[in-house]
Amino acid sequence: IEIKKKVIELKYTVQIMVVEGEFLSAENIKMISKLGKIDKIATGSDMYEYYAGTYATLEEANKQLEKARKIGFLDAFIFATNNDERISLENARILLKQQSLK
């Protein structure tokens, strides 16, 4: 019998906004252009989430979050995923701690 260990694959994504409709204001386009590559994901009916990067560490994500907030995305935040499943930052911290104990 083979028991597979669950692999911890944490990533941190900076979400900058959610917008109804596909079109952005000129101001949002100007602000987004200062952040580099942006991912746009359709969620639900005519809603779009905008991400300013996915990072291997919380420190890297925090740098991009700080940049996004300075540009004007004041509601930007970071969320964590483990194996592409969204989890809380607290759960990510717990997983990291468990991983470091092994």
N, C-alpha and C. Protein backbone atom coordinates (compact mmCIF):
# COMPACT_ATOMS: atom_id res chain seq x y z
N ILE A 1 0.86 -1.19 0.00
CA ILE A 1 0.00 0.00 0.00
C ILE A 1 0.89 1.23 0.00
N GLU A 2 0.59 2.11 -0.93
CA GLU A 2 1.36 3.35 -1.04
C GLU A 2 0.54 4.51 -0.49
N ILE A 3 1.12 5.22 0.44
CA ILE A 3 0.45 6.38 1.01
C ILE A 3 1.11 7.63 0.43
N LYS A 4 0.32 8.42 -0.23
CA LYS A 4 0.87 9.64 -0.83
C LYS A 4 0.79 10.78 0.17
N LYS A 5 1.91 11.48 0.32
CA LYS A 5 1.91 12.68 1.16
C LYS A 5 1.31 13.81 0.35
N LYS A 6 0.53 14.62 1.01
CA LYS A 6 -0.02 15.79 0.33
C LYS A 6 1.08 16.82 0.14
N VAL A 7 1.27 17.22 -1.07
CA VAL A 7 2.28 18.22 -1.38
C VAL A 7 1.70 19.60 -1.10
N ILE A 8 2.48 20.40 -0.41
CA ILE A 8 2.06 21.77 -0.14
C ILE A 8 2.63 22.65 -1.24
N GLU A 9 1.74 23.29 -1.98
CA GLU A 9 2.15 24.17 -3.07
C GLU A 9 1.45 25.52 -2.90
N LEU A 10 2.03 26.34 -2.01
CA LEU A 10 1.43 27.63 -1.70
C LEU A 10 1.80 28.68 -2.74
N LYS A 11 0.81 29.50 -3.07
CA LYS A 11 1.03 30.66 -3.93
C LYS A 11 0.22 31.81 -3.35
N TYR A 12 0.68 33.01 -3.62
CA TYR A 12 0.03 34.22 -3.10
C TYR A 12 -0.31 35.13 -4.27
N THR A 13 -1.57 35.52 -4.36
CA THR A 13 -2.03 36.34 -5.48
C THR A 13 -2.50 37.69 -4.96
N VAL A 14 -2.14 38.74 -5.70
CA VAL A 14 -2.57 40.10 -5.37
C VAL A 14 -3.79 40.44 -6.22
N GLN A 15 -4.93 40.59 -5.56
CA GLN A 15 -6.15 40.98 -6.28
C GLN A 15 -6.31 42.49 -6.12
N ILE A 16 -6.47 43.18 -7.26
CA ILE A 16 -6.54 44.64 -7.17
C ILE A 16 -7.96 45.19 -7.27
N MET A 17 -8.85 44.43 -7.94
CA MET A 17 -10.23 44.93 -8.02
C MET A 17 -11.15 43.90 -8.64
N VAL A 18 -12.45 44.13 -8.45
CA VAL A 18 -13.52 43.39 -9.12
C VAL A 18 -14.37 44.44 -9.80
N VAL A 19 -14.67 44.20 -11.08
CA VAL A 19 -15.41 45.19 -11.86
C VAL A 19 -16.60 44.52 -12.53
N GLU A 20 -17.73 45.21 -12.53
CA GLU A 20 -18.89 44.74 -13.28
C GLU A 20 -18.75 45.25 -14.70
N GLY A 21 -18.89 44.36 -15.66
CA GLY A 21 -18.74 44.73 -17.06
C GLY A 21 -17.29 44.61 -17.50
N GLU A 22 -17.12 44.53 -18.81
CA GLU A 22 -15.81 44.24 -19.35
C GLU A 22 -14.94 45.48 -19.55
N PHE A 23 -15.55 46.65 -19.51
CA PHE A 23 -14.81 47.86 -19.84
C PHE A 23 -14.35 48.62 -18.59
N LEU A 24 -13.11 49.08 -18.65
CA LEU A 24 -12.52 49.83 -17.54
C LEU A 24 -12.51 51.31 -17.85
N SER A 25 -12.50 52.10 -16.80
CA SER A 25 -12.39 53.55 -16.98
C SER A 25 -10.97 53.88 -17.44
N ALA A 26 -10.82 55.04 -18.02
CA ALA A 26 -9.49 55.49 -18.46
C ALA A 26 -8.53 55.56 -17.28
N GLU A 27 -9.05 55.96 -16.12
CA GLU A 27 -8.21 56.05 -14.91
C GLU A 27 -7.71 54.67 -14.49
N ASN A 28 -8.62 53.67 -14.50
CA ASN A 28 -8.20 52.30 -14.14
C ASN A 28 -7.17 51.76 -15.12
N ILE A 29 -7.36 52.02 -16.39
CA ILE A 29 -6.40 51.55 -17.41
C ILE A 29 -5.03 52.18 -17.16
N LYS A 30 -5.02 53.46 -16.85
CA LYS A 30 -3.76 54.16 -16.56
C LYS A 30 -3.07 53.56 -15.34
N MET A 31 -3.86 53.30 -14.29
CA MET A 31 -3.30 52.73 -13.06
C MET A 31 -2.77 51.31 -13.30
N ILE A 32 -3.53 50.50 -14.02
CA ILE A 32 -3.13 49.12 -14.30
C ILE A 32 -1.82 49.08 -15.08
N SER A 33 -1.65 50.01 -16.00
CA SER A 33 -0.45 50.01 -16.84
C SER A 33 0.83 50.16 -16.02
N LYS A 34 0.72 50.69 -14.81
CA LYS A 34 1.89 50.89 -13.95
C LYS A 34 2.27 49.62 -13.17
N LEU A 35 1.43 48.58 -13.26
CA LEU A 35 1.68 47.37 -12.47
C LEU A 35 2.28 46.22 -13.27
N GLY A 36 2.44 46.39 -14.56
CA GLY A 36 2.97 45.28 -15.36
C GLY A 36 1.85 44.36 -15.81
N LYS A 37 2.16 43.08 -15.90
CA LYS A 37 1.19 42.10 -16.40
C LYS A 37 0.03 41.93 -15.41
N ILE A 38 -1.17 42.07 -15.93
CA ILE A 38 -2.39 41.92 -15.13
C ILE A 38 -3.21 40.76 -15.70
N ASP A 39 -3.74 39.92 -14.83
CA ASP A 39 -4.63 38.84 -15.25
C ASP A 39 -6.06 39.25 -14.96
N LYS A 40 -6.93 38.96 -15.91
CA LYS A 40 -8.36 39.27 -15.78
C LYS A 40 -9.12 37.96 -15.86
N ILE A 41 -9.91 37.67 -14.84
CA ILE A 41 -10.65 36.42 -14.77
C ILE A 41 -12.15 36.73 -14.66
N ALA A 42 -12.94 36.12 -15.53
CA ALA A 42 -14.39 36.28 -15.46
C ALA A 42 -14.92 35.45 -14.30
N THR A 43 -15.74 36.09 -13.48
CA THR A 43 -16.35 35.38 -12.34
C THR A 43 -17.83 35.70 -12.33
N GLY A 44 -18.63 34.70 -12.57
CA GLY A 44 -20.07 34.92 -12.54
C GLY A 44 -20.55 35.70 -13.74
N SER A 45 -21.67 36.31 -13.59
CA SER A 45 -22.32 37.00 -14.69
C SER A 45 -21.81 38.43 -14.83
N ASP A 46 -20.96 38.64 -15.84
CA ASP A 46 -20.46 39.97 -16.18
C ASP A 46 -19.62 40.62 -15.08
N MET A 47 -18.95 39.81 -14.27
CA MET A 47 -18.03 40.31 -13.24
C MET A 47 -16.62 39.84 -13.58
N TYR A 48 -15.66 40.71 -13.34
CA TYR A 48 -14.27 40.40 -13.65
C TYR A 48 -13.37 40.75 -12.48
N GLU A 49 -12.50 39.81 -12.13
CA GLU A 49 -11.49 40.04 -11.09
C GLU A 49 -10.17 40.33 -11.79
N TYR A 50 -9.43 41.27 -11.23
CA TYR A 50 -8.13 41.65 -11.79
C TYR A 50 -7.03 41.35 -10.78
N TYR A 51 -6.02 40.62 -11.25
CA TYR A 51 -4.90 40.20 -10.40
C TYR A 51 -3.60 40.82 -10.89
N ALA A 52 -2.79 41.26 -9.95
CA ALA A 52 -1.50 41.89 -10.28
C ALA A 52 -0.34 40.95 -9.93
N GLY A 53 -0.51 39.68 -10.22
CA GLY A 53 0.58 38.73 -10.04
C GLY A 53 0.31 37.68 -9.00
N THR A 54 0.96 36.53 -9.22
CA THR A 54 0.94 35.41 -8.28
C THR A 54 2.38 35.09 -7.93
N TYR A 55 2.64 34.91 -6.63
CA TYR A 55 4.02 34.82 -6.13
C TYR A 55 4.21 33.58 -5.26
N ALA A 56 5.44 33.13 -5.19
CA ALA A 56 5.78 31.95 -4.39
C ALA A 56 5.88 32.27 -2.91
N THR A 57 6.12 33.54 -2.58
CA THR A 57 6.24 33.91 -1.17
C THR A 57 5.33 35.08 -0.84
N LEU A 58 4.95 35.15 0.42
CA LEU A 58 4.12 36.26 0.89
C LEU A 58 4.88 37.57 0.80
N GLU A 59 6.20 37.52 1.02
CA GLU A 59 7.02 38.73 0.96
C GLU A 59 6.97 39.36 -0.44
N GLU A 60 7.09 38.52 -1.47
CA GLU A 60 7.03 39.02 -2.85
C GLU A 60 5.65 39.62 -3.13
N ALA A 61 4.60 38.93 -2.70
CA ALA A 61 3.24 39.42 -2.92
C ALA A 61 3.02 40.75 -2.20
N ASN A 62 3.57 40.87 -0.99
CA ASN A 62 3.42 42.11 -0.23
C ASN A 62 4.06 43.30 -0.94
N LYS A 63 5.19 43.07 -1.62
CA LYS A 63 5.83 44.16 -2.38
C LYS A 63 4.90 44.65 -3.49
N GLN A 64 4.27 43.72 -4.20
CA GLN A 64 3.35 44.10 -5.28
C GLN A 64 2.09 44.74 -4.70
N LEU A 65 1.63 44.25 -3.55
CA LEU A 65 0.45 44.84 -2.91
C LEU A 65 0.73 46.30 -2.54
N GLU A 66 1.90 46.54 -1.97
CA GLU A 66 2.28 47.90 -1.59
C GLU A 66 2.32 48.81 -2.81
N LYS A 67 2.89 48.30 -3.89
CA LYS A 67 2.95 49.07 -5.14
C LYS A 67 1.54 49.39 -5.65
N ALA A 68 0.66 48.37 -5.63
CA ALA A 68 -0.72 48.55 -6.11
C ALA A 68 -1.45 49.60 -5.27
N ARG A 69 -1.26 49.56 -3.98
CA ARG A 69 -1.93 50.54 -3.10
C ARG A 69 -1.39 51.95 -3.31
N LYS A 70 -0.08 52.07 -3.53
CA LYS A 70 0.50 53.40 -3.79
C LYS A 70 -0.04 53.99 -5.08
N ILE A 71 -0.30 53.14 -6.07
CA ILE A 71 -0.83 53.61 -7.35
C ILE A 71 -2.28 54.06 -7.20
N GLY A 72 -2.99 53.48 -6.22
CA GLY A 72 -4.38 53.90 -6.02
C GLY A 72 -5.37 52.77 -5.85
N PHE A 73 -4.91 51.52 -5.90
CA PHE A 73 -5.81 50.39 -5.66
C PHE A 73 -5.86 50.13 -4.15
N LEU A 74 -6.58 50.99 -3.46
CA LEU A 74 -6.58 50.97 -1.99
C LEU A 74 -7.24 49.74 -1.40
N ASP A 75 -8.12 49.09 -2.16
CA ASP A 75 -8.81 47.89 -1.67
C ASP A 75 -8.09 46.60 -2.08
N ALA A 76 -6.93 46.72 -2.68
CA ALA A 76 -6.17 45.52 -3.11
C ALA A 76 -5.85 44.67 -1.89
N PHE A 77 -5.77 43.37 -2.12
CA PHE A 77 -5.45 42.44 -1.02
C PHE A 77 -4.77 41.20 -1.58
N ILE A 78 -4.25 40.39 -0.68
CA ILE A 78 -3.57 39.15 -1.05
C ILE A 78 -4.43 37.98 -0.60
N PHE A 79 -4.53 36.98 -1.46
CA PHE A 79 -5.13 35.72 -1.03
C PHE A 79 -4.16 34.59 -1.36
N ALA A 80 -4.27 33.52 -0.61
CA ALA A 80 -3.38 32.37 -0.79
C ALA A 80 -4.12 31.23 -1.45
N THR A 81 -3.35 30.39 -2.17
CA THR A 81 -3.88 29.14 -2.69
C THR A 81 -2.90 28.03 -2.34
N ASN A 82 -3.44 26.84 -2.15
CA ASN A 82 -2.62 25.65 -1.97
C ASN A 82 -3.11 24.64 -2.99
N ASN A 83 -2.23 24.25 -3.91
CA ASN A 83 -2.62 23.35 -5.00
C ASN A 83 -3.85 23.89 -5.74
N ASP A 84 -3.81 25.20 -6.02
CA ASP A 84 -4.85 25.91 -6.77
C ASP A 84 -6.20 26.01 -6.05
N GLU A 85 -6.25 25.69 -4.76
CA GLU A 85 -7.46 25.85 -3.98
C GLU A 85 -7.28 27.05 -3.05
N ARG A 86 -8.21 27.99 -3.13
CA ARG A 86 -8.11 29.20 -2.33
C ARG A 86 -8.23 28.89 -0.84
N ILE A 87 -7.29 29.43 -0.05
CA ILE A 87 -7.30 29.24 1.40
C ILE A 87 -7.02 30.59 2.06
N SER A 88 -7.27 30.67 3.37
CA SER A 88 -7.00 31.91 4.08
C SER A 88 -5.49 32.09 4.28
N LEU A 89 -5.07 33.31 4.49
CA LEU A 89 -3.65 33.56 4.78
C LEU A 89 -3.24 32.87 6.07
N GLU A 90 -4.17 32.78 7.03
CA GLU A 90 -3.88 32.10 8.29
C GLU A 90 -3.59 30.61 8.04
N ASN A 91 -4.40 29.98 7.20
CA ASN A 91 -4.17 28.57 6.87
C ASN A 91 -2.84 28.40 6.13
N ALA A 92 -2.50 29.35 5.30
CA ALA A 92 -1.21 29.30 4.59
C ALA A 92 -0.06 29.36 5.60
N ARG A 93 -0.18 30.22 6.61
CA ARG A 93 0.86 30.31 7.65
C ARG A 93 0.99 28.98 8.40
N ILE A 94 -0.14 28.35 8.69
CA ILE A 94 -0.13 27.07 9.40
C ILE A 94 0.56 26.00 8.54
N LEU A 95 0.22 25.95 7.27
CA LEU A 95 0.85 24.98 6.37
C LEU A 95 2.35 25.20 6.28
N LEU A 96 2.76 26.47 6.19
CA LEU A 96 4.20 26.77 6.13
C LEU A 96 4.91 26.31 7.40
N LYS A 97 4.26 26.54 8.53
CA LYS A 97 4.86 26.13 9.82
C LYS A 97 4.97 24.60 9.87
N GLN A 98 3.93 23.90 9.45
CA GLN A 98 3.95 22.44 9.45
C GLN A 98 5.05 21.92 8.53
N GLN A 99 5.19 22.56 7.37
CA GLN A 99 6.20 22.16 6.40
C GLN A 99 7.61 22.34 6.95
N SER A 100 7.82 23.42 7.69
CA SER A 100 9.17 23.70 8.23
C SER A 100 9.51 22.76 9.37
N LEU A 101 8.51 22.13 9.99
CA LEU A 101 8.76 21.21 11.09
C LEU A 101 9.17 19.82 10.60
N LYS A 102 8.93 19.55 9.32
CA LYS A 102 9.24 18.21 8.76
C LYS A 102 10.72 18.04 8.50
